[in-house]
Protein backbone atom coordinates (compact mmCIF):
# COMPACT_ATOMS: atom_id res chain seq x y z
CA MET A 1 67.05 -50.27 -13.89
CA THR A 2 64.95 -48.55 -11.30
CA THR A 3 65.85 -49.59 -7.76
CA HIS A 4 62.69 -48.64 -5.89
CA ALA A 5 62.05 -52.17 -4.69
CA ALA A 6 61.09 -50.99 -1.21
CA PHE A 7 58.19 -48.92 -2.58
CA TRP A 8 56.78 -51.86 -4.53
CA THR A 9 57.26 -54.29 -1.64
CA LYS A 10 55.38 -51.89 0.64
CA THR A 11 52.48 -51.58 -1.79
CA ALA A 12 52.40 -55.26 -2.81
CA ARG A 13 49.35 -56.30 -0.75
CA LYS A 14 47.32 -53.32 -1.91
CA TYR A 15 48.42 -53.98 -5.49
CA ALA A 16 47.40 -57.63 -5.23
CA ALA A 17 43.95 -56.69 -3.92
CA SER A 18 43.24 -54.20 -6.71
CA LYS A 19 41.04 -55.25 -9.61
CA VAL A 20 41.92 -55.02 -13.29
CA ARG A 21 40.50 -51.68 -14.41
CA ASP A 22 39.68 -52.77 -17.95
CA GLN A 23 39.12 -56.52 -18.15
CA ALA A 24 38.46 -56.49 -21.89
CA ALA A 25 41.77 -54.73 -22.58
CA TYR A 26 43.61 -57.14 -20.27
CA GLU A 27 42.13 -60.15 -22.03
CA LYS A 28 43.02 -58.63 -25.41
CA THR A 29 46.62 -58.24 -24.25
CA LEU A 30 46.70 -61.86 -23.13
CA SER A 31 45.17 -63.19 -26.34
CA ARG A 32 47.53 -61.23 -28.58
CA THR A 33 50.52 -62.36 -26.51
CA ILE A 34 49.46 -66.01 -26.64
CA GLU A 35 49.25 -65.78 -30.44
CA HIS A 36 53.00 -65.15 -30.51
CA LEU A 37 53.98 -67.92 -28.07
CA GLY A 38 54.50 -71.61 -28.79
CA PRO A 39 54.28 -74.74 -26.61
CA GLN A 40 58.05 -75.29 -26.74
CA ASP A 41 59.00 -71.69 -25.95
CA SER A 42 61.20 -70.54 -23.09
CA VAL A 43 59.86 -67.24 -21.73
CA LEU A 44 61.12 -64.56 -19.34
CA GLU A 45 58.80 -61.98 -17.81
CA LEU A 46 60.21 -58.79 -16.30
CA GLY A 47 58.31 -56.86 -13.64
CA CYS A 48 55.79 -59.65 -13.11
CA GLY A 49 54.29 -58.09 -9.97
CA THR A 50 52.21 -60.59 -8.00
CA GLY A 51 52.25 -63.13 -10.81
CA SER A 52 48.65 -63.18 -12.04
CA THR A 53 49.60 -62.79 -15.70
CA ALA A 54 52.41 -65.32 -15.43
CA LEU A 55 50.02 -67.92 -14.01
CA LEU A 56 47.77 -67.47 -17.05
CA LEU A 57 50.46 -67.41 -19.74
CA ALA A 58 52.79 -70.11 -18.41
CA ARG A 59 50.41 -72.92 -19.41
CA HIS A 60 50.94 -72.00 -23.07
CA VAL A 61 54.75 -72.48 -23.10
CA ARG A 62 57.38 -74.99 -22.01
CA SER A 63 59.17 -72.86 -19.40
CA TYR A 64 58.37 -69.49 -17.86
CA LEU A 65 60.57 -67.49 -15.49
CA ALA A 66 58.67 -64.55 -13.94
CA THR A 67 60.81 -61.94 -12.18
CA ASP A 68 60.34 -58.81 -10.11
CA PHE A 69 62.90 -56.87 -8.06
CA ALA A 70 60.38 -56.38 -5.22
CA SER A 71 60.49 -59.28 -2.80
CA GLY A 72 56.99 -58.46 -1.52
CA MET A 73 55.55 -58.96 -4.99
CA ILE A 74 57.29 -62.30 -5.47
CA ALA A 75 56.20 -63.50 -2.02
CA ILE A 76 52.57 -63.07 -3.09
CA ALA A 77 53.26 -64.67 -6.47
CA ASP A 78 54.82 -67.68 -4.74
CA ASP A 79 51.74 -68.01 -2.53
CA LYS A 80 49.53 -68.03 -5.63
CA LEU A 81 51.71 -70.67 -7.28
CA ALA A 82 51.66 -72.83 -4.14
CA ALA A 83 47.85 -72.63 -4.06
CA GLU A 84 47.65 -73.74 -7.68
CA ARG A 85 50.02 -76.62 -7.01
CA GLU A 86 47.84 -77.77 -4.14
CA SER A 87 44.84 -77.77 -6.45
CA GLY A 88 46.78 -79.51 -9.21
CA THR A 89 46.33 -76.69 -11.73
CA SER A 90 49.84 -75.19 -11.81
CA HIS A 91 52.28 -75.46 -14.71
CA GLU A 92 55.51 -77.19 -13.71
CA GLY A 93 57.56 -74.96 -15.99
CA LEU A 94 56.68 -71.79 -14.07
CA ARG A 95 58.88 -70.30 -11.38
CA PHE A 96 59.17 -66.91 -9.72
CA LEU A 97 62.41 -65.12 -8.83
CA VAL A 98 63.34 -61.90 -7.03
CA ALA A 99 65.60 -60.33 -9.66
CA ASP A 100 65.87 -57.61 -12.26
CA ALA A 101 66.83 -57.94 -15.91
CA PHE A 102 70.55 -57.53 -15.18
CA ASP A 103 70.74 -60.36 -12.66
CA GLU A 104 72.75 -63.25 -14.14
CA ARG A 105 70.23 -65.70 -12.70
CA VAL A 106 67.66 -64.64 -15.31
CA ARG A 107 69.61 -66.32 -18.09
CA PRO A 108 68.05 -69.59 -19.34
CA ALA A 109 68.92 -72.42 -16.96
CA ASP A 110 67.70 -75.29 -19.14
CA GLY A 111 70.58 -75.54 -21.57
CA GLN A 112 69.24 -72.99 -24.03
CA ASP A 113 72.40 -70.90 -24.18
CA SER A 114 71.10 -69.11 -27.25
CA GLY A 115 68.55 -67.23 -25.13
CA TYR A 116 64.82 -66.95 -24.59
CA ASP A 117 62.17 -67.27 -27.27
CA ALA A 118 60.33 -64.30 -25.75
CA VAL A 119 60.84 -61.63 -23.10
CA LEU A 120 57.66 -60.04 -21.74
CA ALA A 121 57.26 -56.73 -19.90
CA PHE A 122 53.75 -55.52 -19.12
CA ASN A 123 53.11 -52.10 -17.53
CA PHE A 124 56.81 -51.93 -16.73
CA PHE A 125 58.89 -50.01 -19.28
CA HIS A 126 57.62 -46.58 -18.16
CA LEU A 127 58.90 -47.30 -14.63
CA VAL A 128 62.49 -47.81 -15.81
CA GLU A 129 65.01 -45.01 -15.40
CA ASN A 130 67.45 -46.31 -18.05
CA PRO A 131 65.23 -47.70 -20.84
CA ASP A 132 68.00 -47.91 -23.45
CA ASP A 133 70.12 -50.08 -21.16
CA LEU A 134 67.13 -52.28 -20.44
CA LEU A 135 66.35 -52.79 -24.12
CA ALA A 136 69.98 -53.70 -24.82
CA ARG A 137 69.81 -56.27 -22.04
CA VAL A 138 66.52 -57.68 -23.35
CA ARG A 139 68.06 -58.08 -26.80
CA ASP A 140 71.03 -59.88 -25.26
CA LEU A 141 68.71 -62.29 -23.43
CA LEU A 142 66.78 -63.23 -26.58
CA LYS A 143 67.77 -65.86 -29.10
CA PRO A 144 68.03 -64.75 -32.76
CA GLY A 145 64.52 -63.91 -33.96
CA GLY A 146 63.20 -63.88 -30.39
CA LEU A 147 60.34 -61.58 -29.40
CA TYR A 148 60.07 -58.67 -26.99
CA ILE A 149 56.39 -58.29 -26.08
CA SER A 150 55.49 -55.28 -23.98
CA LYS A 151 52.69 -52.99 -22.89
CA THR A 152 53.71 -49.52 -21.76
CA VAL A 153 51.74 -46.71 -20.13
CA CYS A 154 52.48 -43.59 -22.21
CA LEU A 155 51.49 -40.37 -20.45
CA LYS A 156 53.52 -37.75 -22.31
CA ARG A 157 50.50 -36.02 -23.84
CA LYS A 158 49.26 -35.40 -20.30
CA ALA A 159 52.67 -34.79 -18.72
CA TRP A 160 51.61 -31.26 -17.75
CA LEU A 161 49.08 -32.87 -15.42
CA PHE A 162 50.73 -36.10 -14.30
CA SER A 163 54.35 -34.98 -13.81
CA PRO A 164 53.66 -32.44 -11.00
CA LEU A 165 51.17 -34.77 -9.35
CA ILE A 166 53.58 -37.73 -9.36
CA ALA A 167 56.44 -35.52 -8.14
CA VAL A 168 54.45 -34.48 -5.07
CA MET A 169 53.32 -38.05 -4.40
CA ARG A 170 56.92 -39.28 -4.62
CA LEU A 171 57.95 -36.81 -1.91
CA PHE A 172 55.59 -38.63 0.45
CA GLY A 173 56.47 -42.12 -0.76
CA LYS A 174 53.11 -42.55 -2.47
CA ALA A 175 54.29 -43.01 -6.07
CA PRO A 176 57.21 -44.57 -7.96
CA TYR A 177 59.41 -43.04 -10.63
CA VAL A 178 57.45 -42.67 -13.89
CA ASN A 179 58.99 -41.89 -17.27
CA MET A 180 56.65 -39.71 -19.35
CA LEU A 181 56.76 -41.45 -22.74
CA SER A 182 54.84 -41.25 -26.00
CA PHE A 183 53.91 -44.11 -28.32
CA GLN A 184 56.42 -42.78 -30.84
CA GLU A 185 59.26 -42.61 -28.31
CA VAL A 186 58.66 -46.16 -27.10
CA GLU A 187 58.63 -47.54 -30.62
CA ARG A 188 61.68 -45.51 -31.66
CA MET A 189 63.72 -46.81 -28.71
CA ILE A 190 62.71 -50.38 -29.46
CA ARG A 191 63.76 -50.05 -33.11
CA GLN A 192 67.04 -48.37 -32.22
CA ALA A 193 67.83 -51.24 -29.83
CA GLY A 194 67.85 -53.66 -32.74
CA PHE A 195 64.25 -54.82 -33.08
CA GLU A 196 61.70 -54.93 -35.86
CA ILE A 197 58.20 -54.02 -34.69
CA ILE A 198 55.71 -56.54 -36.05
CA GLU A 199 52.53 -55.60 -34.16
CA THR A 200 51.14 -52.71 -32.15
CA GLY A 201 47.86 -51.98 -30.39
CA THR A 202 46.39 -49.81 -27.65
CA TYR A 203 44.79 -51.84 -24.85
CA PRO A 204 43.19 -49.94 -23.19
CA GLU A 205 42.80 -46.63 -24.95
CA PRO A 206 44.28 -44.06 -24.86
CA TYR A 207 47.53 -44.60 -22.95
CA SER A 208 48.61 -48.29 -22.95
CA ARG A 209 50.73 -49.20 -25.97
CA PHE A 210 51.13 -52.90 -26.79
CA VAL A 211 54.16 -53.75 -28.93
CA VAL A 212 55.49 -57.01 -30.34
CA ALA A 213 59.06 -56.68 -31.66
CA ARG A 214 61.43 -59.25 -33.18
CA LYS A 215 65.17 -59.27 -32.55
CA VAL A 216 67.05 -58.63 -35.79
């Protein structure tokens, strides 16, 4: 798991202030995700950032643990949750936690020893330095038949452009680690980790691959 929490904490306020670049694609991602969730589901989100997506999805499930290893991100997410609680619009099953996927605190705490119904990871997988280890951990956290729902930025076709640019930006602390992946590589790794892919999409075109995969 990438350990660049300091970078993401430093950029948290700027990240929180930025607007969704493609609102239609974001709403499509939400709607497709909701189609696979049920009101009694227990859900874990990895790399939740400042919590905006968690606040929208949590109302559709029974319990929702949203995690991020950057404390600055979770601090903002907690502020958002507190504001919703004051207005009476928050979902009681939602909580935020500073943690990564390998933290033992991310295991279900409500007696569901069999695991989560779904693990979500949006715009996250390409930032991970050890994706195979992460996928093995996700599979371990899911109950039999549970779902891994992800959206991954795949820049491999433009790696000749993005790799040198990101490398220079990283030297000055202006960019995180980015794994240059293709759609095919992402889907191959998911299958090899013990999942059956049941839905794919690209929201937005041409780089963001949405995948729904079932633990087998």
